[in-house]
Amino acid sequence: MARLNTERQEKLEPTRILNAKESIEAFGYEVYEGGKALTFIFKNEQVTFFPYSGWATGKSIKDGRGLQKLLTQINPLNQSTNH
């Protein structure tokens, strides 16, 4: 499905990708860029994050929207409390 405002997406997406990549790498994860998504390994499972929409999915996390919610789940200090 196409975005309603592709011009806005083209403007904001590079910044969101860079910000998300740097934030995830700050926790020590190796992040791979693939098109419009970022992937990394968390608890031996692949996690995919779409920076423009903010959607994160993977077996080792609770799927949801928002970079901050993802960062809370993958924060090494919080790992003992995540299920």
PDB file of N, CA and C in Angstrom:
ATOM      1  N   MET A   1       0.839  -1.173   0.000  1.00  0.00           N
ATOM      2  CA  MET A   1       0.000   0.000   0.000  1.00  0.00           C
ATOM      3  C   MET A   1       0.888   1.241   0.000  1.00  0.00           C
ATOM      4  N   ALA A   2       0.610   2.161  -0.866  1.00  0.00           N
ATOM      5  CA  ALA A   2       1.397   3.379  -0.980  1.00  0.00           C
ATOM      6  C   ALA A   2       1.057   4.353   0.150  1.00  0.00           C
ATOM      7  N   ARG A   3       2.036   5.098   0.530  1.00  0.00           N
ATOM      8  CA  ARG A   3       1.839   6.152   1.529  1.00  0.00           C
ATOM      9  C   ARG A   3       1.026   7.274   0.906  1.00  0.00           C
ATOM     10  N   LEU A   4       0.258   7.966   1.724  1.00  0.00           N
ATOM     11  CA  LEU A   4      -0.526   9.086   1.230  1.00  0.00           C
ATOM     12  C   LEU A   4       0.362  10.279   0.888  1.00  0.00           C
ATOM     13  N   ASN A   5       1.412  10.489   1.664  1.00  0.00           N
ATOM     14  CA  ASN A   5       2.283  11.635   1.445  1.00  0.00           C
ATOM     15  C   ASN A   5       3.714  11.143   1.240  1.00  0.00           C
ATOM     16  N   THR A   6       4.013  10.711   0.027  1.00  0.00           N
ATOM     17  CA  THR A   6       5.333  10.144  -0.258  1.00  0.00           C
ATOM     18  C   THR A   6       6.425  11.205  -0.183  1.00  0.00           C
ATOM     19  N   GLU A   7       6.094  12.450  -0.469  1.00  0.00           N
ATOM     20  CA  GLU A   7       7.086  13.525  -0.380  1.00  0.00           C
ATOM     21  C   GLU A   7       7.552  13.690   1.073  1.00  0.00           C
ATOM     22  N   ARG A   8       6.618  13.648   1.999  1.00  0.00           N
ATOM     23  CA  ARG A   8       6.957  13.753   3.424  1.00  0.00           C
ATOM     24  C   ARG A   8       7.811  12.563   3.851  1.00  0.00           C
ATOM     25  N   GLN A   9       7.452  11.378   3.398  1.00  0.00           N
ATOM     26  CA  GLN A   9       8.203  10.182   3.739  1.00  0.00           C
ATOM     27  C   GLN A   9       9.639  10.282   3.207  1.00  0.00           C
ATOM     28  N   GLU A  10       9.799  10.715   1.967  1.00  0.00           N
ATOM     29  CA  GLU A  10      11.133  10.838   1.378  1.00  0.00           C
ATOM     30  C   GLU A  10      11.983  11.857   2.129  1.00  0.00           C
ATOM     31  N   LYS A  11      11.343  12.871   2.675  1.00  0.00           N
ATOM     32  CA  LYS A  11      12.068  13.899   3.426  1.00  0.00           C
ATOM     33  C   LYS A  11      12.488  13.405   4.809  1.00  0.00           C
ATOM     34  N   LEU A  12      11.589  12.722   5.515  1.00  0.00           N
ATOM     35  CA  LEU A  12      11.831  12.328   6.905  1.00  0.00           C
ATOM     36  C   LEU A  12      12.555  10.996   7.067  1.00  0.00           C
ATOM     37  N   GLU A  13      12.370  10.092   6.131  1.00  0.00           N
ATOM     38  CA  GLU A  13      12.875   8.728   6.297  1.00  0.00           C
ATOM     39  C   GLU A  13      14.390   8.636   6.515  1.00  0.00           C
ATOM     40  N   PRO A  14      15.230   9.343   5.748  1.00  0.00           N
ATOM     41  CA  PRO A  14      16.681   9.214   5.989  1.00  0.00           C
ATOM     42  C   PRO A  14      17.087   9.596   7.408  1.00  0.00           C
ATOM     43  N   THR A  15      16.471  10.632   7.946  1.00  0.00           N
ATOM     44  CA  THR A  15      16.779  11.062   9.316  1.00  0.00           C
ATOM     45  C   THR A  15      16.323  10.014  10.327  1.00  0.00           C
ATOM     46  N   ARG A  16      15.144   9.471  10.114  1.00  0.00           N
ATOM     47  CA  ARG A  16      14.624   8.449  11.037  1.00  0.00           C
ATOM     48  C   ARG A  16      15.462   7.177  10.986  1.00  0.00           C
ATOM     49  N   ILE A  17      15.912   6.799   9.807  1.00  0.00           N
ATOM     50  CA  ILE A  17      16.760   5.607   9.673  1.00  0.00           C
ATOM     51  C   ILE A  17      18.056   5.817  10.437  1.00  0.00           C
ATOM     52  N   LEU A  18      18.700   6.962  10.227  1.00  0.00           N
ATOM     53  CA  LEU A  18      19.964   7.254  10.903  1.00  0.00           C
ATOM     54  C   LEU A  18      19.797   7.294  12.415  1.00  0.00           C
ATOM     55  N   ASN A  19      18.769   7.967  12.897  1.00  0.00           N
ATOM     56  CA  ASN A  19      18.517   8.075  14.332  1.00  0.00           C
ATOM     57  C   ASN A  19      18.267   6.696  14.948  1.00  0.00           C
ATOM     58  N   ALA A  20      17.429   5.898  14.300  1.00  0.00           N
ATOM     59  CA  ALA A  20      17.122   4.568  14.825  1.00  0.00           C
ATOM     60  C   ALA A  20      18.363   3.683  14.821  1.00  0.00           C
ATOM     61  N   LYS A  21      19.122   3.720  13.734  1.00  0.00           N
ATOM     62  CA  LYS A  21      20.332   2.893  13.642  1.00  0.00           C
ATOM     63  C   LYS A  21      21.318   3.249  14.753  1.00  0.00           C
ATOM     64  N   GLU A  22      21.559   4.541  14.939  1.00  0.00           N
ATOM     65  CA  GLU A  22      22.486   4.977  15.988  1.00  0.00           C
ATOM     66  C   GLU A  22      21.987   4.587  17.378  1.00  0.00           C
ATOM     67  N   SER A  23      20.689   4.712  17.605  1.00  0.00           N
ATOM     68  CA  SER A  23      20.122   4.375  18.912  1.00  0.00           C
ATOM     69  C   SER A  23      20.248   2.887  19.224  1.00  0.00           C
ATOM     70  N   ILE A  24      19.991   2.041  18.237  1.00  0.00           N
ATOM     71  CA  ILE A  24      20.089   0.597  18.434  1.00  0.00           C
ATOM     72  C   ILE A  24      21.554   0.186  18.596  1.00  0.00           C
ATOM     73  N   GLU A  25      22.429   0.763  17.775  1.00  0.00           N
ATOM     74  CA  GLU A  25      23.860   0.445  17.875  1.00  0.00           C
ATOM     75  C   GLU A  25      24.445   0.882  19.208  1.00  0.00           C
ATOM     76  N   ALA A  26      23.870   1.911  19.827  1.00  0.00           N
ATOM     77  CA  ALA A  26      24.355   2.384  21.129  1.00  0.00           C
ATOM     78  C   ALA A  26      24.245   1.294  22.198  1.00  0.00           C
ATOM     79  N   PHE A  27      23.346   0.339  22.007  1.00  0.00           N
ATOM     80  CA  PHE A  27      23.205  -0.784  22.941  1.00  0.00           C
ATOM     81  C   PHE A  27      24.115  -1.940  22.556  1.00  0.00           C
ATOM     82  N   GLY A  28      24.903  -1.780  21.493  1.00  0.00           N
ATOM     83  CA  GLY A  28      25.885  -2.793  21.119  1.00  0.00           C
ATOM     84  C   GLY A  28      25.417  -3.790  20.070  1.00  0.00           C
ATOM     85  N   TYR A  29      24.291  -3.547  19.443  1.00  0.00           N
ATOM     86  CA  TYR A  29      23.789  -4.455  18.410  1.00  0.00           C
ATOM     87  C   TYR A  29      24.329  -4.040  17.049  1.00  0.00           C
ATOM     88  N   GLU A  30      24.617  -5.023  16.207  1.00  0.00           N
ATOM     89  CA  GLU A  30      25.051  -4.759  14.842  1.00  0.00           C
ATOM     90  C   GLU A  30      23.798  -4.630  13.983  1.00  0.00           C
ATOM     91  N   VAL A  31      23.617  -3.471  13.389  1.00  0.00           N
ATOM     92  CA  VAL A  31      22.401  -3.157  12.640  1.00  0.00           C
ATOM     93  C   VAL A  31      22.689  -3.194  11.147  1.00  0.00           C
ATOM     94  N   TYR A  32      21.784  -3.828  10.408  1.00  0.00           N
ATOM     95  CA  TYR A  32      21.891  -3.920   8.952  1.00  0.00           C
ATOM     96  C   TYR A  32      20.753  -3.147   8.323  1.00  0.00           C
ATOM     97  N   GLU A  33      21.101  -2.361   7.292  1.00  0.00           N
ATOM     98  CA  GLU A  33      20.083  -1.616   6.547  1.00  0.00           C
ATOM     99  C   GLU A  33      19.673  -2.430   5.336  1.00  0.00           C
ATOM    100  N   GLY A  34      18.381  -2.555   5.136  1.00  0.00           N
ATOM    101  CA  GLY A  34      17.860  -3.251   3.973  1.00  0.00           C
ATOM    102  C   GLY A  34      16.674  -2.502   3.423  1.00  0.00           C
ATOM    103  N   GLY A  35      16.919  -1.666   2.445  1.00  0.00           N
ATOM    104  CA  GLY A  35      15.819  -0.872   1.900  1.00  0.00           C
ATOM    105  C   GLY A  35      15.326   0.123   2.919  1.00  0.00           C
ATOM    106  N   LYS A  36      14.087  -0.037   3.323  1.00  0.00           N
ATOM    107  CA  LYS A  36      13.479   0.900   4.269  1.00  0.00           C
ATOM    108  C   LYS A  36      13.368   0.305   5.668  1.00  0.00           C
ATOM    109  N   ALA A  37      14.113  -0.778   5.927  1.00  0.00           N
ATOM    110  CA  ALA A  37      14.042  -1.448   7.222  1.00  0.00           C
ATOM    111  C   ALA A  37      15.439  -1.634   7.803  1.00  0.00           C
ATOM    112  N   LEU A  38      15.484  -1.732   9.120  1.00  0.00           N
ATOM    113  CA  LEU A  38      16.706  -2.067   9.839  1.00  0.00           C
ATOM    114  C   LEU A  38      16.501  -3.425  10.485  1.00  0.00           C
ATOM    115  N   THR A  39      17.528  -4.258  10.465  1.00  0.00           N
ATOM    116  CA  THR A  39      17.439  -5.551  11.133  1.00  0.00           C
ATOM    117  C   THR A  39      18.642  -5.730  12.053  1.00  0.00           C
ATOM    118  N   PHE A  40      18.424  -6.487  13.116  1.00  0.00           N
ATOM    119  CA  PHE A  40      19.490  -6.825  14.049  1.00  0.00           C
ATOM    120  C   PHE A  40      19.069  -8.074  14.806  1.00  0.00           C
ATOM    121  N   ILE A  41      20.018  -8.673  15.495  1.00  0.00           N
ATOM    122  CA  ILE A  41      19.745  -9.901  16.243  1.00  0.00           C
ATOM    123  C   ILE A  41      19.609  -9.564  17.725  1.00  0.00           C
ATOM    124  N   PHE A  42      18.509 -10.024  18.309  1.00  0.00           N
ATOM    125  CA  PHE A  42      18.246  -9.841  19.732  1.00  0.00           C
ATOM    126  C   PHE A  42      17.775 -11.175  20.286  1.00  0.00           C
ATOM    127  N   LYS A  43      18.469 -11.678  21.290  1.00  0.00           N
ATOM    128  CA  LYS A  43      18.154 -12.979  21.890  1.00  0.00           C
ATOM    129  C   LYS A  43      18.101 -14.065  20.814  1.00  0.00           C
ATOM    130  N   ASN A  44      19.096 -14.065  19.940  1.00  0.00           N
ATOM    131  CA  ASN A  44      19.260 -15.065  18.874  1.00  0.00           C
ATOM    132  C   ASN A  44      18.124 -15.089  17.858  1.00  0.00           C
ATOM    133  N   GLU A  45      17.363 -14.033  17.771  1.00  0.00           N
ATOM    134  CA  GLU A  45      16.276 -13.922  16.783  1.00  0.00           C
ATOM    135  C   GLU A  45      16.399 -12.594  16.042  1.00  0.00           C
ATOM    136  N   GLN A  46      16.010 -12.604  14.774  1.00  0.00           N
ATOM    137  CA  GLN A  46      16.054 -11.382  13.975  1.00  0.00           C
ATOM    138  C   GLN A  46      14.900 -10.463  14.338  1.00  0.00           C
ATOM    139  N   VAL A  47      15.227  -9.198  14.512  1.00  0.00           N
ATOM    140  CA  VAL A  47      14.232  -8.155  14.765  1.00  0.00           C
ATOM    141  C   VAL A  47      14.295  -7.192  13.582  1.00  0.00           C
ATOM    142  N   THR A  48      13.135  -6.807  13.083  1.00  0.00           N
ATOM    143  CA  THR A  48      13.055  -5.851  11.971  1.00  0.00           C
ATOM    144  C   THR A  48      12.330  -4.610  12.457  1.00  0.00           C
ATOM    145  N   PHE A  49      12.918  -3.469  12.149  1.00  0.00           N
ATOM    146  CA  PHE A  49      12.332  -2.177  12.530  1.00  0.00           C
ATOM    147  C   PHE A  49      12.198  -1.321  11.281  1.00  0.00           C
ATOM    148  N   PHE A  50      11.016  -0.764  11.092  1.00  0.00           N
ATOM    149  CA  PHE A  50      10.732   0.126   9.969  1.00  0.00           C
ATOM    150  C   PHE A  50      10.698   1.551  10.513  1.00  0.00           C
ATOM    151  N   PRO A  51      11.784   2.313  10.335  1.00  0.00           N
ATOM    152  CA  PRO A  51      11.894   3.623  10.975  1.00  0.00           C
ATOM    153  C   PRO A  51      10.819   4.637  10.607  1.00  0.00           C
ATOM    154  N   TYR A  52      10.340   4.634   9.383  1.00  0.00           N
ATOM    155  CA  TYR A  52       9.351   5.660   9.034  1.00  0.00           C
ATOM    156  C   TYR A  52       8.037   5.433   9.774  1.00  0.00           C
ATOM    157  N   SER A  53       7.551   4.204   9.756  1.00  0.00           N
ATOM    158  CA  SER A  53       6.282   3.921  10.432  1.00  0.00           C
ATOM    159  C   SER A  53       6.471   3.659  11.921  1.00  0.00           C
ATOM    160  N   GLY A  54       7.700   3.293  12.305  1.00  0.00           N
ATOM    161  CA  GLY A  54       7.976   3.001  13.707  1.00  0.00           C
ATOM    162  C   GLY A  54       7.610   1.586  14.117  1.00  0.00           C
ATOM    163  N   TRP A  55       7.295   0.720  13.160  1.00  0.00           N
ATOM    164  CA  TRP A  55       6.856  -0.633  13.473  1.00  0.00           C
ATOM    165  C   TRP A  55       8.048  -1.552  13.694  1.00  0.00           C
ATOM    166  N   ALA A  56       8.015  -2.320  14.777  1.00  0.00           N
ATOM    167  CA  ALA A  56       9.053  -3.295  15.086  1.00  0.00           C
ATOM    168  C   ALA A  56       8.412  -4.672  15.221  1.00  0.00           C
ATOM    169  N   THR A  57       9.089  -5.682  14.695  1.00  0.00           N
ATOM    170  CA  THR A  57       8.567  -7.038  14.764  1.00  0.00           C
ATOM    171  C   THR A  57       9.710  -8.038  14.880  1.00  0.00           C
ATOM    172  N   GLY A  58       9.444  -9.140  15.554  1.00  0.00           N
ATOM    173  CA  GLY A  58      10.428 -10.202  15.719  1.00  0.00           C
ATOM    174  C   GLY A  58       9.993 -11.139  16.825  1.00  0.00           C
ATOM    175  N   LYS A  59      10.518 -12.358  16.792  1.00  0.00           N
ATOM    176  CA  LYS A  59      10.123 -13.369  17.783  1.00  0.00           C
ATOM    177  C   LYS A  59      10.570 -13.022  19.198  1.00  0.00           C
ATOM    178  N   SER A  60      11.667 -12.285  19.327  1.00  0.00           N
ATOM    179  CA  SER A  60      12.225 -12.028  20.656  1.00  0.00           C
ATOM    180  C   SER A  60      11.721 -10.741  21.300  1.00  0.00           C
ATOM    181  N   ILE A  61      10.816 -10.031  20.620  1.00  0.00           N
ATOM    182  CA  ILE A  61      10.262  -8.796  21.180  1.00  0.00           C
ATOM    183  C   ILE A  61       8.745  -8.833  21.080  1.00  0.00           C
ATOM    184  N   LYS A  62       8.126  -7.895  21.771  1.00  0.00           N
ATOM    185  CA  LYS A  62       6.685  -7.703  21.616  1.00  0.00           C
ATOM    186  C   LYS A  62       6.499  -6.721  20.466  1.00  0.00           C
ATOM    187  N   ASP A  63       5.850  -7.160  19.391  1.00  0.00           N
ATOM    188  CA  ASP A  63       5.636  -6.302  18.228  1.00  0.00           C
ATOM    189  C   ASP A  63       4.900  -5.038  18.638  1.00  0.00           C
ATOM    190  N   GLY A  64       5.263  -3.936  17.998  1.00  0.00           N
ATOM    191  CA  GLY A  64       4.577  -2.694  18.302  1.00  0.00           C
ATOM    192  C   GLY A  64       5.176  -1.527  17.559  1.00  0.00           C
ATOM    193  N   ARG A  65       4.635  -0.363  17.851  1.00  0.00           N
ATOM    194  CA  ARG A  65       5.038   0.845  17.145  1.00  0.00           C
ATOM    195  C   ARG A  65       5.762   1.787  18.098  1.00  0.00           C
ATOM    196  N   GLY A  66       6.865   2.340  17.611  1.00  0.00           N
ATOM    197  CA  GLY A  66       7.597   3.345  18.371  1.00  0.00           C
ATOM    198  C   GLY A  66       9.019   2.925  18.680  1.00  0.00           C
ATOM    199  N   LEU A  67       9.962   3.776  18.305  1.00  0.00           N
ATOM    200  CA  LEU A  67      11.372   3.485  18.559  1.00  0.00           C
ATOM    201  C   LEU A  67      11.644   3.381  20.054  1.00  0.00           C
ATOM    202  N   GLN A  68      11.072   4.265  20.847  1.00  0.00           N
ATOM    203  CA  GLN A  68      11.339   4.229  22.287  1.00  0.00           C
ATOM    204  C   GLN A  68      10.857   2.928  22.928  1.00  0.00           C
ATOM    205  N   LYS A  69       9.729   2.416  22.474  1.00  0.00           N
ATOM    206  CA  LYS A  69       9.231   1.139  23.002  1.00  0.00           C
ATOM    207  C   LYS A  69      10.177   0.006  22.642  1.00  0.00           C
ATOM    208  N   LEU A  70      10.708   0.042  21.413  1.00  0.00           N
ATOM    209  CA  LEU A  70      11.678  -0.968  21.005  1.00  0.00           C
ATOM    210  C   LEU A  70      12.945  -0.857  21.841  1.00  0.00           C
ATOM    211  N   LEU A  71      13.446   0.348  22.011  1.00  0.00           N
ATOM    212  CA  LEU A  71      14.682   0.541  22.773  1.00  0.00           C
ATOM    213  C   LEU A  71      14.522   0.079  24.222  1.00  0.00           C
ATOM    214  N   THR A  72      13.360   0.284  24.798  1.00  0.00           N
ATOM    215  CA  THR A  72      13.107  -0.184  26.162  1.00  0.00           C
ATOM    216  C   THR A  72      13.213  -1.703  26.229  1.00  0.00           C
ATOM    217  N   GLN A  73      12.690  -2.386  25.218  1.00  0.00           N
ATOM    218  CA  GLN A  73      12.714  -3.847  25.209  1.00  0.00           C
ATOM    219  C   GLN A  73      14.121  -4.406  25.018  1.00  0.00           C
ATOM    220  N   ILE A  74      14.952  -3.743  24.199  1.00  0.00           N
ATOM    221  CA  ILE A  74      16.276  -4.296  23.886  1.00  0.00           C
ATOM    222  C   ILE A  74      17.379  -3.742  24.781  1.00  0.00           C
ATOM    223  N   ASN A  75      17.029  -2.826  25.671  1.00  0.00           N
ATOM    224  CA  ASN A  75      18.015  -2.248  26.584  1.00  0.00           C
ATOM    225  C   ASN A  75      18.616  -3.356  27.449  1.00  0.00           C
ATOM    226  N   PRO A  76      19.945  -3.507  27.409  1.00  0.00           N
ATOM    227  CA  PRO A  76      20.582  -4.567  28.209  1.00  0.00           C
ATOM    228  C   PRO A  76      20.255  -4.483  29.701  1.00  0.00           C
ATOM    229  N   LEU A  77      19.981  -3.301  30.210  1.00  0.00           N
ATOM    230  CA  LEU A  77      19.649  -3.150  31.627  1.00  0.00           C
ATOM    231  C   LEU A  77      18.246  -3.669  31.941  1.00  0.00           C
ATOM    232  N   ASN A  78      17.390  -3.748  30.946  1.00  0.00           N
ATOM    233  CA  ASN A  78      16.017  -4.197  31.156  1.00  0.00           C
ATOM    234  C   ASN A  78      15.788  -5.649  30.752  1.00  0.00           C
ATOM    235  N   GLN A  79      16.783  -6.331  30.219  1.00  0.00           N
ATOM    236  CA  GLN A  79      16.582  -7.675  29.670  1.00  0.00           C
ATOM    237  C   GLN A  79      16.078  -8.671  30.684  1.00  0.00           C
ATOM    238  N   SER A  80      16.454  -8.538  31.927  1.00  0.00           N
ATOM    239  CA  SER A  80      16.003  -9.509  32.924  1.00  0.00           C
ATOM    240  C   SER A  80      14.511  -9.378  33.220  1.00  0.00           C
ATOM    241  N   THR A  81      13.928  -8.207  32.910  1.00  0.00           N
ATOM    242  CA  THR A  81      12.504  -8.020  33.190  1.00  0.00           C
ATOM    243  C   THR A  81      11.627  -8.287  31.988  1.00  0.00           C
ATOM    244  N   ASN A  82      12.227  -8.394  30.780  1.00  0.00           N
ATOM    245  CA  ASN A  82      11.432  -8.697  29.580  1.00  0.00           C
ATOM    246  C   ASN A  82      11.176 -10.181  29.468  1.00  0.00           C
ATOM    247  N   HIS A  83      10.049 -10.539  28.903  1.00  0.00           N
ATOM    248  CA  HIS A  83       9.710 -11.951  28.740  1.00  0.00           C
ATOM    249  C   HIS A  83       9.937 -12.374  27.329  1.00  0.00           C
TER     250      HIS A  83
END
